[in-house]
Amino acid sequence: MITLYDHPFSPYAQKVKISLREKGLAFEAPMPGGLGAGGAQGAFVEASPRAEVPALVDGDVRVFDSTIILEYLDDAYPEPAMRPKSAAERARVRMLEEVMDTHFEAINWGLSEIRWFRRAEGEKAEALFAAAKAQTEGFFAWLEQQLGEREWFNGETFGWGDLSVVPYLNGSVGHGHPPAKGTKLSAWLARANARPSVAACVADIAALNSAGASMTNVAELVEKGLFKREYRDHRLEWMIKSGGIDVVLKGLERDNIRFAPAFS
């Protein structure tokens, strides 16, 4: 049985779960402890030295990083293929994935920092919200162009290009920024969410919320240093360029942000 170390809120983990489900592969998805406090250890860290989800264990194989996991799955379990056939089309969807992973993700992450973790309030928060909204709308316009006349970002069939986009757009919807009604992007999102593989990810999030994993008191945990958010490079860039450098400095001062651990 494949093991996928998971957190249902993670769009990176959602990408991999969609691929596993599209391929019909059985898997278990434990959620490792210590993520919020930066104290992850044990078999999870053996599989993921960066202490990030997702991490995949398939027999003796251990793979971390969502993109590398997706590549492994297509190599080890080639049917149905998630990647397009031609080199040019594969490059196109990989560039799409790169943009979503390292640019778009930071926007939703930053919104969570302000909305749930209350890193900023008042005028500062409103300015960051406005920046995120404008950036999201810009990416929506870009995605509309990338979709063009295709039914799927991947081409004729659902695949890598689509699973690389849908978790992030669902995150935007959760933050109150859906694609405009009547657009091709909005219609694509409805088609993508109708797929069982995607709907199952949405159900995973709902199940976690119903189990009591709400974000209601998480700001208090951050303030006390009991919950530390990881500031990866693109997230740090987003916060600084969007006007939140003081958020970063305050987090460093209070030791409630973290970076990737050292390998050992």
C-alpha atoms as a PDB file:
ATOM      1  CA  MET A   1       0.000   0.000   0.000  1.00  0.00           C
ATOM      2  CA  ILE A   2       1.279   3.448  -0.907  1.00  0.00           C
ATOM      3  CA  THR A   3       1.603   5.884   1.988  1.00  0.00           C
ATOM      4  CA  LEU A   4       1.184   9.591   1.309  1.00  0.00           C
ATOM      5  CA  TYR A   5       1.989  11.897   4.184  1.00  0.00           C
ATOM      6  CA  ASP A   6      -0.723  14.476   3.830  1.00  0.00           C
ATOM      7  CA  HIS A   7      -2.449  17.535   5.165  1.00  0.00           C
ATOM      8  CA  PRO A   8      -5.856  18.057   3.532  1.00  0.00           C
ATOM      9  CA  PHE A   9      -5.369  21.841   3.470  1.00  0.00           C
ATOM     10  CA  SER A  10      -2.151  21.531   1.436  1.00  0.00           C
ATOM     11  CA  PRO A  11      -2.674  22.177  -2.291  1.00  0.00           C
ATOM     12  CA  TYR A  12       0.616  20.373  -2.933  1.00  0.00           C
ATOM     13  CA  ALA A  13      -0.715  17.231  -1.280  1.00  0.00           C
ATOM     14  CA  GLN A  14      -4.032  17.622  -3.091  1.00  0.00           C
ATOM     15  CA  LYS A  15      -2.213  17.513  -6.429  1.00  0.00           C
ATOM     16  CA  VAL A  16      -0.751  14.125  -5.576  1.00  0.00           C
ATOM     17  CA  LYS A  17      -4.006  12.714  -4.185  1.00  0.00           C
ATOM     18  CA  ILE A  18      -5.804  13.681  -7.379  1.00  0.00           C
ATOM     19  CA  SER A  19      -3.191  11.835  -9.439  1.00  0.00           C
ATOM     20  CA  LEU A  20      -3.367   8.749  -7.202  1.00  0.00           C
ATOM     21  CA  ARG A  21      -7.149   8.679  -7.463  1.00  0.00           C
ATOM     22  CA  GLU A  22      -7.174   9.258 -11.209  1.00  0.00           C
ATOM     23  CA  LYS A  23      -4.804   6.292 -11.549  1.00  0.00           C
ATOM     24  CA  GLY A  24      -6.953   4.143  -9.274  1.00  0.00           C
ATOM     25  CA  LEU A  25      -4.089   3.526  -6.830  1.00  0.00           C
ATOM     26  CA  ALA A  26      -4.913   2.571  -3.261  1.00  0.00           C
ATOM     27  CA  PHE A  27      -3.172   4.676  -0.632  1.00  0.00           C
ATOM     28  CA  GLU A  28      -3.302   5.698   2.985  1.00  0.00           C
ATOM     29  CA  ALA A  29      -2.857   9.345   3.900  1.00  0.00           C
ATOM     30  CA  PRO A  30      -1.657   9.877   7.480  1.00  0.00           C
ATOM     31  CA  MET A  31      -1.258  13.429   8.697  1.00  0.00           C
ATOM     32  CA  PRO A  32       2.119  13.775  10.461  1.00  0.00           C
ATOM     33  CA  GLY A  33       2.350  15.470  13.817  1.00  0.00           C
ATOM     34  CA  GLY A  34       4.561  18.417  14.610  1.00  0.00           C
ATOM     35  CA  LEU A  35       3.943  20.336  11.395  1.00  0.00           C
ATOM     36  CA  GLY A  36       2.562  23.473  12.990  1.00  0.00           C
ATOM     37  CA  ALA A  37       5.198  23.647  15.717  1.00  0.00           C
ATOM     38  CA  GLY A  38       8.116  22.729  13.460  1.00  0.00           C
ATOM     39  CA  GLY A  39       8.783  19.553  15.434  1.00  0.00           C
ATOM     40  CA  ALA A  40       8.058  16.826  12.892  1.00  0.00           C
ATOM     41  CA  GLN A  41      10.144  13.681  13.260  1.00  0.00           C
ATOM     42  CA  GLY A  42      10.288   9.937  12.714  1.00  0.00           C
ATOM     43  CA  ALA A  43       9.313   8.109   9.532  1.00  0.00           C
ATOM     44  CA  PHE A  44       7.794  11.248   8.039  1.00  0.00           C
ATOM     45  CA  VAL A  45      11.067  13.184   8.198  1.00  0.00           C
ATOM     46  CA  GLU A  46      12.912  10.142   6.869  1.00  0.00           C
ATOM     47  CA  ALA A  47      10.682  10.398   3.797  1.00  0.00           C
ATOM     48  CA  SER A  48      10.688  14.203   3.700  1.00  0.00           C
ATOM     49  CA  PRO A  49      13.874  15.805   5.112  1.00  0.00           C
ATOM     50  CA  ARG A  50      12.290  19.223   4.524  1.00  0.00           C
ATOM     51  CA  ALA A  51       9.478  18.157   6.904  1.00  0.00           C
ATOM     52  CA  GLU A  52       6.877  19.183   4.315  1.00  0.00           C
ATOM     53  CA  VAL A  53       3.871  17.380   2.927  1.00  0.00           C
ATOM     54  CA  PRO A  54       3.406  15.629   0.638  1.00  0.00           C
ATOM     55  CA  ALA A  55       5.879  12.792   0.960  1.00  0.00           C
ATOM     56  CA  LEU A  56       5.276   9.419  -0.645  1.00  0.00           C
ATOM     57  CA  VAL A  57       6.427   5.975   0.458  1.00  0.00           C
ATOM     58  CA  ASP A  58       5.973   3.138  -2.031  1.00  0.00           C
ATOM     59  CA  GLY A  59       7.713   0.029  -0.741  1.00  0.00           C
ATOM     60  CA  ASP A  60      11.385   0.949  -0.470  1.00  0.00           C
ATOM     61  CA  VAL A  61      10.888   4.148  -2.476  1.00  0.00           C
ATOM     62  CA  ARG A  62      10.642   7.482  -0.667  1.00  0.00           C
ATOM     63  CA  VAL A  63       9.894  10.649  -2.609  1.00  0.00           C
ATOM     64  CA  PHE A  64       9.298  14.222  -1.455  1.00  0.00           C
ATOM     65  CA  ASP A  65       8.234  17.339  -3.392  1.00  0.00           C
ATOM     66  CA  SER A  66       4.866  17.236  -5.145  1.00  0.00           C
ATOM     67  CA  THR A  67       6.272  17.640  -8.654  1.00  0.00           C
ATOM     68  CA  ILE A  68       8.807  14.850  -8.214  1.00  0.00           C
ATOM     69  CA  ILE A  69       6.110  12.626  -6.727  1.00  0.00           C
ATOM     70  CA  LEU A  70       3.874  13.272  -9.740  1.00  0.00           C
ATOM     71  CA  GLU A  71       6.759  12.373 -12.037  1.00  0.00           C
ATOM     72  CA  TYR A  72       7.408   9.191 -10.084  1.00  0.00           C
ATOM     73  CA  LEU A  73       3.765   8.146 -10.256  1.00  0.00           C
ATOM     74  CA  ASP A  74       3.633   8.646 -14.022  1.00  0.00           C
ATOM     75  CA  ASP A  75       6.868   6.691 -14.436  1.00  0.00           C
ATOM     76  CA  ALA A  76       5.981   3.858 -12.056  1.00  0.00           C
ATOM     77  CA  TYR A  77       2.261   3.678 -12.890  1.00  0.00           C
ATOM     78  CA  PRO A  78       2.002   4.999 -16.455  1.00  0.00           C
ATOM     79  CA  GLU A  79      -1.695   4.300 -17.072  1.00  0.00           C
ATOM     80  CA  PRO A  80      -3.562   6.511 -17.260  1.00  0.00           C
ATOM     81  CA  ALA A  81      -0.853   9.062 -17.955  1.00  0.00           C
ATOM     82  CA  MET A  82      -1.279  12.436 -16.319  1.00  0.00           C
ATOM     83  CA  ARG A  83       1.284  14.095 -18.597  1.00  0.00           C
ATOM     84  CA  PRO A  84       0.440  15.021 -22.207  1.00  0.00           C
ATOM     85  CA  LYS A  85       2.151  12.991 -24.934  1.00  0.00           C
ATOM     86  CA  SER A  86       4.349  15.527 -26.707  1.00  0.00           C
ATOM     87  CA  ALA A  87       7.441  17.198 -25.263  1.00  0.00           C
ATOM     88  CA  ALA A  88       6.035  20.626 -26.078  1.00  0.00           C
ATOM     89  CA  GLU A  89       2.743  19.969 -24.302  1.00  0.00           C
ATOM     90  CA  ARG A  90       4.535  18.489 -21.294  1.00  0.00           C
ATOM     91  CA  ALA A  91       6.649  21.628 -21.058  1.00  0.00           C
ATOM     92  CA  ARG A  92       3.512  23.777 -21.314  1.00  0.00           C
ATOM     93  CA  VAL A  93       1.736  22.121 -18.389  1.00  0.00           C
ATOM     94  CA  ARG A  94       4.906  21.995 -16.312  1.00  0.00           C
ATOM     95  CA  MET A  95       5.304  25.749 -16.726  1.00  0.00           C
ATOM     96  CA  LEU A  96       1.677  26.111 -15.664  1.00  0.00           C
ATOM     97  CA  GLU A  97       2.395  24.023 -12.584  1.00  0.00           C
ATOM     98  CA  GLU A  98       5.471  26.095 -11.763  1.00  0.00           C
ATOM     99  CA  VAL A  99       3.470  29.320 -11.852  1.00  0.00           C
ATOM    100  CA  MET A 100       0.753  27.907  -9.610  1.00  0.00           C
ATOM    101  CA  ASP A 101       3.202  26.355  -7.141  1.00  0.00           C
ATOM    102  CA  THR A 102       5.565  29.278  -6.742  1.00  0.00           C
ATOM    103  CA  HIS A 103       3.488  32.380  -7.507  1.00  0.00           C
ATOM    104  CA  PHE A 104      -0.227  31.734  -7.085  1.00  0.00           C
ATOM    105  CA  GLU A 105       0.132  29.598  -3.945  1.00  0.00           C
ATOM    106  CA  ALA A 106       1.776  32.447  -2.108  1.00  0.00           C
ATOM    107  CA  ILE A 107      -1.309  34.647  -2.539  1.00  0.00           C
ATOM    108  CA  ASN A 108      -3.699  32.222  -0.837  1.00  0.00           C
ATOM    109  CA  TRP A 109      -1.081  31.453   1.776  1.00  0.00           C
ATOM    110  CA  GLY A 110      -0.652  35.168   2.474  1.00  0.00           C
ATOM    111  CA  LEU A 111      -4.405  35.634   2.781  1.00  0.00           C
ATOM    112  CA  SER A 112      -4.464  32.871   5.385  1.00  0.00           C
ATOM    113  CA  GLU A 113      -1.635  34.587   7.245  1.00  0.00           C
ATOM    114  CA  ILE A 114      -3.753  37.711   7.568  1.00  0.00           C
ATOM    115  CA  ARG A 115      -7.274  36.278   7.834  1.00  0.00           C
ATOM    116  CA  TRP A 116      -6.679  33.309  10.129  1.00  0.00           C
ATOM    117  CA  PHE A 117      -3.338  33.993  11.773  1.00  0.00           C
ATOM    118  CA  ARG A 118      -3.968  37.730  12.109  1.00  0.00           C
ATOM    119  CA  ARG A 119      -0.421  38.726  11.232  1.00  0.00           C
ATOM    120  CA  ALA A 120      -1.772  42.180  10.391  1.00  0.00           C
ATOM    121  CA  GLU A 121      -4.928  44.083  11.230  1.00  0.00           C
ATOM    122  CA  GLY A 122      -6.588  47.369  10.357  1.00  0.00           C
ATOM    123  CA  GLU A 123      -5.233  49.377   7.436  1.00  0.00           C
ATOM    124  CA  LYS A 124      -2.225  47.076   6.990  1.00  0.00           C
ATOM    125  CA  ALA A 125      -4.493  44.048   6.648  1.00  0.00           C
ATOM    126  CA  GLU A 126      -6.775  45.851   4.208  1.00  0.00           C
ATOM    127  CA  ALA A 127      -3.802  46.844   2.057  1.00  0.00           C
ATOM    128  CA  LEU A 128      -2.588  43.235   1.924  1.00  0.00           C
ATOM    129  CA  PHE A 129      -6.101  42.003   1.114  1.00  0.00           C
ATOM    130  CA  ALA A 130      -6.327  44.523  -1.734  1.00  0.00           C
ATOM    131  CA  ALA A 131      -2.951  43.471  -3.121  1.00  0.00           C
ATOM    132  CA  ALA A 132      -3.969  39.805  -3.017  1.00  0.00           C
ATOM    133  CA  LYS A 133      -7.265  40.489  -4.774  1.00  0.00           C
ATOM    134  CA  ALA A 134      -5.593  42.409  -7.592  1.00  0.00           C
ATOM    135  CA  GLN A 135      -2.922  39.740  -8.004  1.00  0.00           C
ATOM    136  CA  THR A 136      -5.522  36.961  -8.060  1.00  0.00           C
ATOM    137  CA  GLU A 137      -7.536  38.702 -10.750  1.00  0.00           C
ATOM    138  CA  GLY A 138      -4.371  39.129 -12.805  1.00  0.00           C
ATOM    139  CA  PHE A 139      -3.614  35.421 -12.602  1.00  0.00           C
ATOM    140  CA  PHE A 140      -7.222  34.598 -13.492  1.00  0.00           C
ATOM    141  CA  ALA A 141      -6.826  36.605 -16.698  1.00  0.00           C
ATOM    142  CA  TRP A 142      -3.568  34.781 -17.443  1.00  0.00           C
ATOM    143  CA  LEU A 143      -5.149  31.390 -16.765  1.00  0.00           C
ATOM    144  CA  GLU A 144      -8.063  32.247 -19.041  1.00  0.00           C
ATOM    145  CA  GLN A 145      -5.540  32.848 -21.816  1.00  0.00           C
ATOM    146  CA  GLN A 146      -3.690  29.625 -21.042  1.00  0.00           C
ATOM    147  CA  LEU A 147      -6.911  27.637 -21.195  1.00  0.00           C
ATOM    148  CA  GLY A 148      -7.912  29.173 -24.510  1.00  0.00           C
ATOM    149  CA  GLU A 149     -10.306  26.915 -26.400  1.00  0.00           C
ATOM    150  CA  ARG A 150      -9.201  23.763 -24.589  1.00  0.00           C
ATOM    151  CA  GLU A 151     -11.668  21.788 -22.512  1.00  0.00           C
ATOM    152  CA  TRP A 152      -8.890  20.996 -20.055  1.00  0.00           C
ATOM    153  CA  PHE A 153      -5.614  22.716 -19.268  1.00  0.00           C
ATOM    154  CA  ASN A 154      -3.992  19.387 -20.111  1.00  0.00           C
ATOM    155  CA  GLY A 155      -5.596  19.292 -23.552  1.00  0.00           C
ATOM    156  CA  GLU A 156      -8.347  16.887 -24.582  1.00  0.00           C
ATOM    157  CA  THR A 157      -8.376  15.009 -21.278  1.00  0.00           C
ATOM    158  CA  PHE A 158      -8.032  15.902 -17.607  1.00  0.00           C
ATOM    159  CA  GLY A 159      -4.459  15.570 -16.382  1.00  0.00           C
ATOM    160  CA  TRP A 160      -1.342  17.191 -14.984  1.00  0.00           C
ATOM    161  CA  GLY A 161      -2.211  20.696 -16.111  1.00  0.00           C
ATOM    162  CA  ASP A 162      -5.592  20.520 -14.390  1.00  0.00           C
ATOM    163  CA  LEU A 163      -4.570  18.947 -11.103  1.00  0.00           C
ATOM    164  CA  SER A 164      -1.883  21.648 -10.917  1.00  0.00           C
ATOM    165  CA  VAL A 165      -4.496  24.412 -11.007  1.00  0.00           C
ATOM    166  CA  VAL A 166      -7.665  23.220  -9.294  1.00  0.00           C
ATOM    167  CA  PRO A 167      -6.437  23.089  -5.656  1.00  0.00           C
ATOM    168  CA  TYR A 168      -5.286  26.692  -5.869  1.00  0.00           C
ATOM    169  CA  LEU A 169      -8.459  27.998  -7.477  1.00  0.00           C
ATOM    170  CA  ASN A 170     -10.541  26.215  -4.878  1.00  0.00           C
ATOM    171  CA  GLY A 171      -8.383  27.962  -2.313  1.00  0.00           C
ATOM    172  CA  SER A 172      -9.187  31.301  -3.930  1.00  0.00           C
ATOM    173  CA  VAL A 173     -12.883  30.484  -3.804  1.00  0.00           C
ATOM    174  CA  GLY A 174     -12.489  29.766  -0.102  1.00  0.00           C
ATOM    175  CA  HIS A 175     -11.006  33.227   0.344  1.00  0.00           C
ATOM    176  CA  GLY A 176     -13.923  34.814  -1.498  1.00  0.00           C
ATOM    177  CA  HIS A 177     -12.171  35.261  -4.859  1.00  0.00           C
ATOM    178  CA  PRO A 178     -13.858  32.938  -7.386  1.00  0.00           C
ATOM    179  CA  PRO A 179     -13.340  33.274 -11.137  1.00  0.00           C
ATOM    180  CA  ALA A 180     -15.973  35.550 -12.649  1.00  0.00           C
ATOM    181  CA  LYS A 181     -19.197  33.821 -13.668  1.00  0.00           C
ATOM    182  CA  GLY A 182     -19.537  33.234 -17.389  1.00  0.00           C
ATOM    183  CA  THR A 183     -15.801  32.947 -17.982  1.00  0.00           C
ATOM    184  CA  LYS A 184     -14.139  29.890 -19.472  1.00  0.00           C
ATOM    185  CA  LEU A 185     -12.112  29.573 -16.290  1.00  0.00           C
ATOM    186  CA  SER A 186     -15.255  29.416 -14.165  1.00  0.00           C
ATOM    187  CA  ALA A 187     -16.747  26.732 -16.404  1.00  0.00           C
ATOM    188  CA  TRP A 188     -13.488  24.760 -16.269  1.00  0.00           C
ATOM    189  CA  LEU A 189     -13.453  24.926 -12.470  1.00  0.00           C
ATOM    190  CA  ALA A 190     -16.980  23.501 -12.321  1.00  0.00           C
ATOM    191  CA  ARG A 191     -15.951  20.613 -14.602  1.00  0.00           C
ATOM    192  CA  ALA A 192     -12.825  19.938 -12.559  1.00  0.00           C
ATOM    193  CA  ASN A 193     -14.688  19.928  -9.247  1.00  0.00           C
ATOM    194  CA  ALA A 194     -17.176  17.437 -10.681  1.00  0.00           C
ATOM    195  CA  ARG A 195     -14.429  14.838 -11.043  1.00  0.00           C
ATOM    196  CA  PRO A 196     -14.476  12.311  -8.176  1.00  0.00           C
ATOM    197  CA  SER A 197     -10.721  12.700  -7.651  1.00  0.00           C
ATOM    198  CA  VAL A 198     -11.109  16.428  -6.996  1.00  0.00           C
ATOM    199  CA  ALA A 199     -14.366  16.132  -5.056  1.00  0.00           C
ATOM    200  CA  ALA A 200     -12.642  13.690  -2.712  1.00  0.00           C
ATOM    201  CA  CYS A 201     -10.028  16.347  -1.840  1.00  0.00           C
ATOM    202  CA  VAL A 202     -12.797  18.810  -1.031  1.00  0.00           C
ATOM    203  CA  ALA A 203     -14.405  16.132   1.134  1.00  0.00           C
ATOM    204  CA  ASP A 204     -11.073  15.559   2.935  1.00  0.00           C
ATOM    205  CA  ILE A 205     -10.994  19.240   3.891  1.00  0.00           C
ATOM    206  CA  ALA A 206     -14.609  19.162   5.080  1.00  0.00           C
ATOM    207  CA  ALA A 207     -13.910  16.060   7.175  1.00  0.00           C
ATOM    208  CA  LEU A 208     -10.927  17.728   8.836  1.00  0.00           C
ATOM    209  CA  ASN A 209     -12.964  20.832   9.589  1.00  0.00           C
ATOM    210  CA  SER A 210     -15.801  18.772  11.056  1.00  0.00           C
ATOM    211  CA  ALA A 211     -13.278  16.950  13.247  1.00  0.00           C
ATOM    212  CA  GLY A 212     -12.485  20.233  14.955  1.00  0.00           C
ATOM    213  CA  ALA A 213      -9.516  21.485  12.949  1.00  0.00           C
ATOM    214  CA  SER A 214     -10.974  24.960  12.564  1.00  0.00           C
ATOM    215  CA  MET A 215      -8.746  28.015  12.435  1.00  0.00           C
ATOM    216  CA  THR A 216     -10.701  29.840  15.152  1.00  0.00           C
ATOM    217  CA  ASN A 217      -8.039  29.993  17.856  1.00  0.00           C
ATOM    218  CA  VAL A 218      -4.921  29.494  15.762  1.00  0.00           C
ATOM    219  CA  ALA A 219      -3.899  33.161  15.975  1.00  0.00           C
ATOM    220  CA  GLU A 220      -3.548  32.776  19.734  1.00  0.00           C
ATOM    221  CA  LEU A 221      -1.258  29.792  19.229  1.00  0.00           C
ATOM    222  CA  VAL A 222       0.870  31.822  16.813  1.00  0.00           C
ATOM    223  CA  GLU A 223       1.085  34.704  19.267  1.00  0.00           C
ATOM    224  CA  LYS A 224       2.360  32.300  21.942  1.00  0.00           C
ATOM    225  CA  GLY A 225       4.878  30.714  19.561  1.00  0.00           C
ATOM    226  CA  LEU A 226       3.123  27.354  19.718  1.00  0.00           C
ATOM    227  CA  PHE A 227       2.300  27.368  16.014  1.00  0.00           C
ATOM    228  CA  LYS A 228       4.886  28.411  13.439  1.00  0.00           C
ATOM    229  CA  ARG A 229       4.140  28.952   9.779  1.00  0.00           C
ATOM    230  CA  GLU A 230       6.802  28.010   7.256  1.00  0.00           C
ATOM    231  CA  TYR A 231       7.973  30.937   5.134  1.00  0.00           C
ATOM    232  CA  ARG A 232       9.272  29.299   1.975  1.00  0.00           C
ATOM    233  CA  ASP A 233      11.059  31.536  -0.518  1.00  0.00           C
ATOM    234  CA  HIS A 234       8.042  32.435  -2.673  1.00  0.00           C
ATOM    235  CA  ARG A 235       5.905  33.142   0.384  1.00  0.00           C
ATOM    236  CA  LEU A 236       8.541  35.398   1.861  1.00  0.00           C
ATOM    237  CA  GLU A 237       8.764  37.218  -1.472  1.00  0.00           C
ATOM    238  CA  TRP A 238       4.994  37.687  -1.589  1.00  0.00           C
ATOM    239  CA  MET A 239       4.771  39.134   1.885  1.00  0.00           C
ATOM    240  CA  ILE A 240       7.611  41.588   1.283  1.00  0.00           C
ATOM    241  CA  LYS A 241       6.565  42.757  -2.190  1.00  0.00           C
ATOM    242  CA  SER A 242       2.942  43.107  -1.105  1.00  0.00           C
ATOM    243  CA  GLY A 243       3.837  45.449   1.738  1.00  0.00           C
ATOM    244  CA  GLY A 244       4.192  43.101   4.689  1.00  0.00           C
ATOM    245  CA  ILE A 245       7.903  43.273   5.507  1.00  0.00           C
ATOM    246  CA  ASP A 246       7.023  44.344   9.057  1.00  0.00           C
ATOM    247  CA  VAL A 247       4.937  41.157   9.355  1.00  0.00           C
ATOM    248  CA  VAL A 248       8.069  39.146   8.619  1.00  0.00           C
ATOM    249  CA  LEU A 249      10.231  41.141  11.006  1.00  0.00           C
ATOM    250  CA  LYS A 250       7.679  40.809  13.793  1.00  0.00           C
ATOM    251  CA  GLY A 251       7.396  37.074  13.180  1.00  0.00           C
ATOM    252  CA  LEU A 252      11.161  36.664  13.366  1.00  0.00           C
ATOM    253  CA  GLU A 253      11.306  38.703  16.545  1.00  0.00           C
ATOM    254  CA  ARG A 254       8.580  36.621  18.199  1.00  0.00           C
ATOM    255  CA  ASP A 255       9.898  33.340  16.786  1.00  0.00           C
ATOM    256  CA  ASN A 256       6.543  32.300  15.348  1.00  0.00           C
ATOM    257  CA  ILE A 257       7.641  31.788  11.777  1.00  0.00           C
ATOM    258  CA  ARG A 258      10.011  29.082  10.602  1.00  0.00           C
ATOM    259  CA  PHE A 259      12.020  27.972   7.612  1.00  0.00           C
ATOM    260  CA  ALA A 260      12.942  24.530   6.304  1.00  0.00           C
ATOM    261  CA  PRO A 261      15.010  22.488   8.769  1.00  0.00           C
ATOM    262  CA  ALA A 262      18.641  21.587   8.213  1.00  0.00           C
ATOM    263  CA  PHE A 263      19.262  18.185   6.644  1.00  0.00           C
ATOM    264  CA  SER A 264      21.003  15.653   8.851  1.00  0.00           C
END
